[in-house]
Amino acid sequence: MQVIIKTPEEIEKIRVSSLLVGDTLAEVASAIRPGIKTIELDRLAETFIRDNDAEPAFKGYHGFPGSLCISVNSEVVHGIPGNRELKEGDLISIDCGVKKDKFFGDSAYTFTIGEISKEVRKLIDTTRECLAKAIEVAIAGNRIGDISFTVQNLAEKNGFTVVRELVGHGVGKRLHEKPEVPNYGKRGSGMQMKPGMVIAIEPMINLGRRTIRQLNDGWTIVTADNKPAAHFEHTVSVGGPVADVLSSFDKIMKAESKNINLSAEVKEV
C-alpha cells in the first residue's frame, strides 16, 4: 500500500478523532488510582468514546479484546486490560485509538501513581522529549530517518535504549498505514516526507536493554530484562515549516495534575 496524502478536509477529520483520543485519556487520567483494575479504565474509555459518537479503534482489531492498550511497568505496549489492580509506584502506558467519521486518531501517554524513582522519572521525561524533538523534524523535505535518528540519539545519550521491533505508522482511514516510522535509524535515510502525510510518531524507550519478548497472551510486549519502559505518541500532519500536531496532551496533563493533587490531599487527611 502506498502512502496516502490527505486533503486539508481529511486532516481536519483526523484532528477531530485525535483530539477525542486526548479527551478519552483525560477521562482515564482522572480515574487512575491505587486499587483500580485496568479493565475498569478500559470500560470507562469505551463508554466515553461511544458517547461521543465514535468507535474504539483497538477493540476487535485483529482480535484485540480491549478498547485501550494498558501496559504496566515492564510492559512496553499492547497490554490487555484485565483484573490487575494498579498500585503505588506503578508506571502505566496507555495507548488509545478512535474512529470517527471514517477517520482514525491515535495517541499514547505514560502515567505514574505516587512516588517513582529518579531514573524512572528521567525515563518518562526523556521519552516525552524524544517525541517532541521528533515532531520538530517531521517537516516536508526531511526524511523518515531524521525522525528515527532524533529519537534514537536523544534516548541513547540519556542512557536508555530504543525498541526496534515496533514502529510508528501512517494514520488515516486505516489505523495503520504506510509509512512505517522506526524509532532508530540514520539521519537523511528513508522516505522523503511530503505535505499532507499524516503519521503517528511513538517512541518506545526502555530503562534497560532494548530486547523485548511477547507474552503467551499473544499481545503483551515486555522488556526481556523486566525493567520499565515508557511510551508517548502523537498523530502529526507533516507540513512546513513546522508539523501540525493533531492530537493533544493538554487535557490529559490537567486531569493528571488534578488527580495527583487530590491524592496528596487524601494522604494529608
Protein backbone atom coordinates (compact mmCIF):
# COMPACT_ATOMS: atom_id res chain seq x y z
CA MET A 1 0.00 0.00 0.00
CA GLN A 2 1.32 3.43 -0.94
CA VAL A 3 1.49 6.48 1.30
CA ILE A 4 -1.81 8.33 1.11
CA ILE A 5 -1.56 12.12 1.02
CA LYS A 6 -4.50 13.67 2.87
CA THR A 7 -6.52 16.68 1.83
CA PRO A 8 -6.95 19.56 4.29
CA GLU A 9 -10.53 18.36 4.90
CA GLU A 10 -9.35 14.84 5.69
CA ILE A 11 -6.66 16.16 8.04
CA GLU A 12 -9.34 18.06 9.97
CA LYS A 13 -11.33 14.84 10.37
CA ILE A 14 -8.22 13.08 11.67
CA ARG A 15 -7.74 16.01 14.07
CA VAL A 16 -11.27 15.54 15.44
CA SER A 17 -10.58 11.85 16.08
CA SER A 18 -7.16 12.57 17.54
CA LEU A 19 -8.47 15.20 19.93
CA LEU A 20 -11.15 12.76 21.06
CA VAL A 21 -8.35 10.35 21.95
CA GLY A 22 -6.86 13.05 24.18
CA ASP A 23 -10.24 13.69 25.78
CA THR A 24 -10.61 9.96 26.42
CA LEU A 25 -7.18 9.68 28.00
CA ALA A 26 -8.03 12.68 30.19
CA GLU A 27 -11.11 10.82 31.46
CA VAL A 28 -8.91 7.82 32.18
CA ALA A 29 -6.29 10.01 33.89
CA SER A 30 -8.95 11.25 36.32
CA ALA A 31 -9.71 7.67 37.34
CA ILE A 32 -6.19 6.28 37.75
CA ARG A 33 -5.54 5.43 41.40
CA PRO A 34 -4.21 2.57 43.54
CA GLY A 35 -6.66 -0.33 43.58
CA ILE A 36 -8.44 0.35 40.31
CA LYS A 37 -8.47 -2.53 37.84
CA THR A 38 -7.23 -1.93 34.32
CA ILE A 39 -10.49 -3.36 32.94
CA GLU A 40 -12.36 -0.57 34.76
CA LEU A 41 -10.26 2.04 32.93
CA ASP A 42 -10.98 0.23 29.68
CA ARG A 43 -14.74 0.27 30.25
CA LEU A 44 -14.62 3.96 31.15
CA ALA A 45 -12.79 4.71 27.90
CA GLU A 46 -15.13 2.66 25.73
CA THR A 47 -18.21 4.30 27.21
CA PHE A 48 -16.73 7.78 26.73
CA ILE A 49 -15.74 7.08 23.12
CA ARG A 50 -19.16 5.69 22.19
CA ASP A 51 -20.93 8.55 23.98
CA ASN A 52 -19.02 10.85 21.61
CA ASP A 53 -20.37 9.06 18.53
CA ALA A 54 -17.12 7.26 17.78
CA GLU A 55 -15.77 3.71 17.92
CA PRO A 56 -12.84 2.34 19.94
CA ALA A 57 -10.29 1.65 17.21
CA PHE A 58 -8.48 -1.12 19.06
CA LYS A 59 -11.48 -3.20 20.15
CA GLY A 60 -11.59 -6.27 17.92
CA TYR A 61 -8.58 -5.11 15.87
CA HIS A 62 -7.01 -8.42 14.80
CA GLY A 63 -8.87 -9.87 17.78
CA PHE A 64 -7.60 -7.48 20.46
CA PRO A 65 -10.15 -7.62 23.32
CA GLY A 66 -9.83 -4.13 24.79
CA SER A 67 -10.54 -0.52 23.86
CA LEU A 68 -7.21 0.55 25.41
CA CYS A 69 -3.76 -0.96 25.45
CA ILE A 70 -2.73 -0.67 29.11
CA SER A 71 0.90 -1.60 29.72
CA VAL A 72 2.26 -1.58 33.27
CA ASN A 73 5.91 -1.24 34.36
CA SER A 74 7.98 -3.66 32.20
CA GLU A 75 5.15 -3.99 29.66
CA VAL A 76 6.12 -1.89 26.66
CA VAL A 77 2.90 -1.91 24.62
CA HIS A 78 -0.26 -3.91 23.81
CA GLY A 79 -1.11 -4.79 27.41
CA ILE A 80 -4.58 -6.33 27.67
CA PRO A 81 -6.96 -4.73 30.21
CA GLY A 82 -7.99 -7.17 32.93
CA ASN A 83 -8.36 -7.69 36.66
CA ARG A 84 -4.90 -6.41 37.53
CA GLU A 85 -5.12 -3.73 40.20
CA LEU A 86 -2.84 -0.72 39.85
CA LYS A 87 -0.70 0.14 42.84
CA GLU A 88 1.51 2.85 44.26
CA GLY A 89 4.72 3.25 42.25
CA ASP A 90 3.32 1.81 39.01
CA LEU A 91 4.26 3.15 35.59
CA ILE A 92 1.28 2.86 33.22
CA SER A 93 1.48 3.43 29.45
CA ILE A 94 -1.96 3.79 27.87
CA ASP A 95 -2.45 3.74 24.11
CA CYS A 96 -5.83 4.73 22.66
CA GLY A 97 -7.32 4.95 19.19
CA VAL A 98 -10.71 6.06 17.94
CA LYS A 99 -12.57 6.02 14.65
CA LYS A 100 -14.99 8.85 13.94
CA ASP A 101 -16.49 9.87 10.61
CA LYS A 102 -14.38 7.17 8.86
CA PHE A 103 -11.02 8.53 10.10
CA PHE A 104 -8.75 7.35 12.90
CA GLY A 105 -6.87 9.12 15.67
CA ASP A 106 -4.10 7.52 17.75
CA SER A 107 -2.16 8.70 20.80
CA ALA A 108 -0.43 7.33 23.91
CA TYR A 109 0.64 8.68 27.29
CA THR A 110 2.60 7.28 30.21
CA PHE A 111 1.20 7.83 33.71
CA THR A 112 2.54 7.13 37.18
CA ILE A 113 0.97 6.51 40.57
CA GLY A 114 2.63 8.05 43.59
CA GLU A 115 6.36 8.04 44.19
CA ILE A 116 8.71 6.77 41.48
CA SER A 117 12.49 6.58 41.32
CA LYS A 118 14.62 9.33 39.77
CA GLU A 119 15.70 7.00 36.97
CA VAL A 120 12.10 6.15 36.06
CA ARG A 121 11.21 9.85 36.10
CA LYS A 122 14.16 10.50 33.79
CA LEU A 123 12.96 7.68 31.50
CA ILE A 124 9.49 9.25 31.24
CA ASP A 125 10.83 12.76 30.67
CA THR A 126 13.31 11.56 28.06
CA THR A 127 10.70 9.55 26.16
CA ARG A 128 8.41 12.55 26.04
CA GLU A 129 11.29 14.77 24.91
CA CYS A 130 12.12 12.22 22.20
CA LEU A 131 8.59 12.67 20.87
CA ALA A 132 8.80 16.46 20.99
CA LYS A 133 12.16 16.57 19.21
CA ALA A 134 10.98 14.05 16.60
CA ILE A 135 7.96 16.22 15.81
CA GLU A 136 10.30 19.16 15.20
CA VAL A 137 11.89 17.33 12.26
CA ALA A 138 8.60 15.94 10.85
CA ILE A 139 8.52 18.55 8.08
CA ALA A 140 8.28 18.42 4.31
CA GLY A 141 11.64 17.77 2.66
CA ASN A 142 13.07 15.88 5.61
CA ARG A 143 13.16 12.09 5.66
CA ILE A 144 11.65 9.47 7.94
CA GLY A 145 15.19 8.62 9.04
CA ASP A 146 15.51 12.11 10.51
CA ILE A 147 12.70 11.24 12.93
CA SER A 148 14.27 7.85 13.66
CA PHE A 149 17.72 9.30 14.28
CA THR A 150 16.38 12.05 16.53
CA VAL A 151 14.60 9.59 18.82
CA GLN A 152 17.49 7.13 19.00
CA ASN A 153 20.16 9.77 19.51
CA LEU A 154 18.37 11.50 22.39
CA ALA A 155 17.35 8.26 24.10
CA GLU A 156 20.82 6.74 23.96
CA LYS A 157 22.51 9.99 25.02
CA ASN A 158 20.45 9.74 28.21
CA GLY A 159 21.45 6.12 28.82
CA PHE A 160 18.28 4.43 27.58
CA THR A 161 17.55 2.05 24.71
CA VAL A 162 15.09 2.08 21.83
CA VAL A 163 12.71 -0.74 20.96
CA ARG A 164 13.40 -1.67 17.34
CA GLU A 165 10.75 -4.26 16.55
CA LEU A 166 7.82 -1.82 16.91
CA VAL A 167 7.33 1.35 14.90
CA GLY A 168 5.16 4.38 14.33
CA HIS A 169 2.95 4.48 11.24
CA GLY A 170 0.72 6.41 8.91
CA VAL A 171 -2.84 7.22 10.04
CA GLY A 172 -5.97 7.88 8.01
CA LYS A 173 -8.94 5.76 7.00
CA ARG A 174 -6.89 2.86 8.33
CA LEU A 175 -5.43 2.71 11.82
CA HIS A 176 -2.07 1.62 10.42
CA GLU A 177 -0.99 2.92 7.03
CA LYS A 178 2.32 3.46 5.28
CA PRO A 179 4.91 4.72 6.02
CA GLU A 180 6.44 2.90 8.95
CA VAL A 181 8.22 5.29 11.33
CA PRO A 182 11.02 3.50 13.23
CA ASN A 183 12.49 4.98 16.40
CA TYR A 184 16.06 4.21 15.33
CA GLY A 185 17.95 4.88 12.13
CA LYS A 186 20.22 7.16 10.15
CA ARG A 187 19.69 10.83 9.51
CA GLY A 188 18.85 11.51 5.85
CA SER A 189 17.63 7.96 5.18
CA GLY A 190 14.20 6.63 4.29
CA MET A 191 11.23 8.16 2.54
CA GLN A 192 11.11 11.88 1.99
CA MET A 193 8.20 13.47 3.84
CA LYS A 194 5.63 15.50 1.93
CA PRO A 195 2.88 17.91 2.96
CA GLY A 196 -0.33 16.03 3.70
CA MET A 197 1.34 12.94 5.12
CA VAL A 198 -0.18 12.02 8.49
CA ILE A 199 1.92 9.86 10.80
CA ALA A 200 1.86 8.57 14.34
CA ILE A 201 5.23 9.13 16.00
CA GLU A 202 5.59 6.93 19.07
CA PRO A 203 8.89 6.49 20.90
CA MET A 204 9.03 3.28 22.97
CA ILE A 205 12.04 3.59 25.26
CA ASN A 206 13.44 1.07 27.74
CA LEU A 207 15.27 1.70 31.00
CA GLY A 208 17.43 -1.39 30.46
CA ARG A 209 18.29 -3.40 27.35
CA ARG A 210 16.39 -2.86 24.10
CA THR A 211 15.37 -6.51 23.72
CA ILE A 212 11.71 -7.45 24.13
CA ARG A 213 9.53 -10.55 24.17
CA GLN A 214 5.86 -11.34 23.73
CA LEU A 215 3.78 -12.93 26.48
CA ASN A 216 1.69 -16.03 25.93
CA ASP A 217 -1.46 -13.93 25.56
CA GLY A 218 -0.26 -13.17 22.03
CA TRP A 219 -0.32 -9.41 22.56
CA THR A 220 1.58 -8.01 25.52
CA ILE A 221 5.15 -6.95 24.72
CA VAL A 222 7.52 -6.79 27.71
CA THR A 223 11.16 -5.90 28.21
CA ALA A 224 13.34 -9.01 28.24
CA ASP A 225 15.16 -7.83 31.37
CA ASN A 226 11.91 -6.92 33.17
CA LYS A 227 12.93 -3.26 33.54
CA PRO A 228 10.44 -0.42 32.97
CA ALA A 229 9.55 1.09 29.61
CA ALA A 230 7.77 4.31 28.60
CA HIS A 231 5.67 5.21 25.57
CA PHE A 232 4.32 8.50 24.23
CA GLU A 233 2.57 9.06 20.90
CA HIS A 234 1.12 11.90 18.85
CA THR A 235 -0.65 11.88 15.49
CA VAL A 236 1.03 14.51 13.33
CA SER A 237 0.38 16.09 9.93
CA VAL A 238 3.63 16.71 8.09
CA GLY A 239 3.98 20.26 6.87
CA GLY A 240 6.48 23.01 6.53
CA PRO A 241 7.99 24.89 8.25
CA VAL A 242 6.51 23.04 11.26
CA ALA A 243 4.45 19.90 11.78
CA ASP A 244 0.81 20.17 12.80
CA VAL A 245 0.19 18.07 15.92
CA LEU A 246 -3.35 16.74 15.57
CA SER A 247 -3.59 15.07 18.99
CA SER A 248 -3.11 16.84 22.30
CA PHE A 249 -1.85 16.13 25.82
CA ASP A 250 -3.28 19.34 27.31
CA LYS A 251 -6.44 17.90 28.89
CA ILE A 252 -4.56 14.76 29.95
CA MET A 253 -1.99 16.84 31.83
CA LYS A 254 -4.68 18.90 33.55
CA ALA A 255 -6.55 15.77 34.64
CA GLU A 256 -3.32 14.12 35.74
CA SER A 257 -2.29 17.15 37.79
CA LYS A 258 -5.71 17.42 39.42
CA ASN A 259 -5.64 13.71 40.25
CA ILE A 260 -2.18 13.98 41.82
CA ASN A 261 -3.29 16.97 43.93
CA LEU A 262 -6.42 15.17 45.11
CA SER A 263 -4.33 12.13 46.09
CA ALA A 264 -2.00 14.35 48.08
CA GLU A 265 -4.95 15.91 49.91
CA VAL A 266 -6.31 12.48 50.81
CA LYS A 267 -2.93 11.45 52.24
CA GLU A 268 -2.73 14.61 54.33
CA VAL A 269 -6.19 13.96 55.78
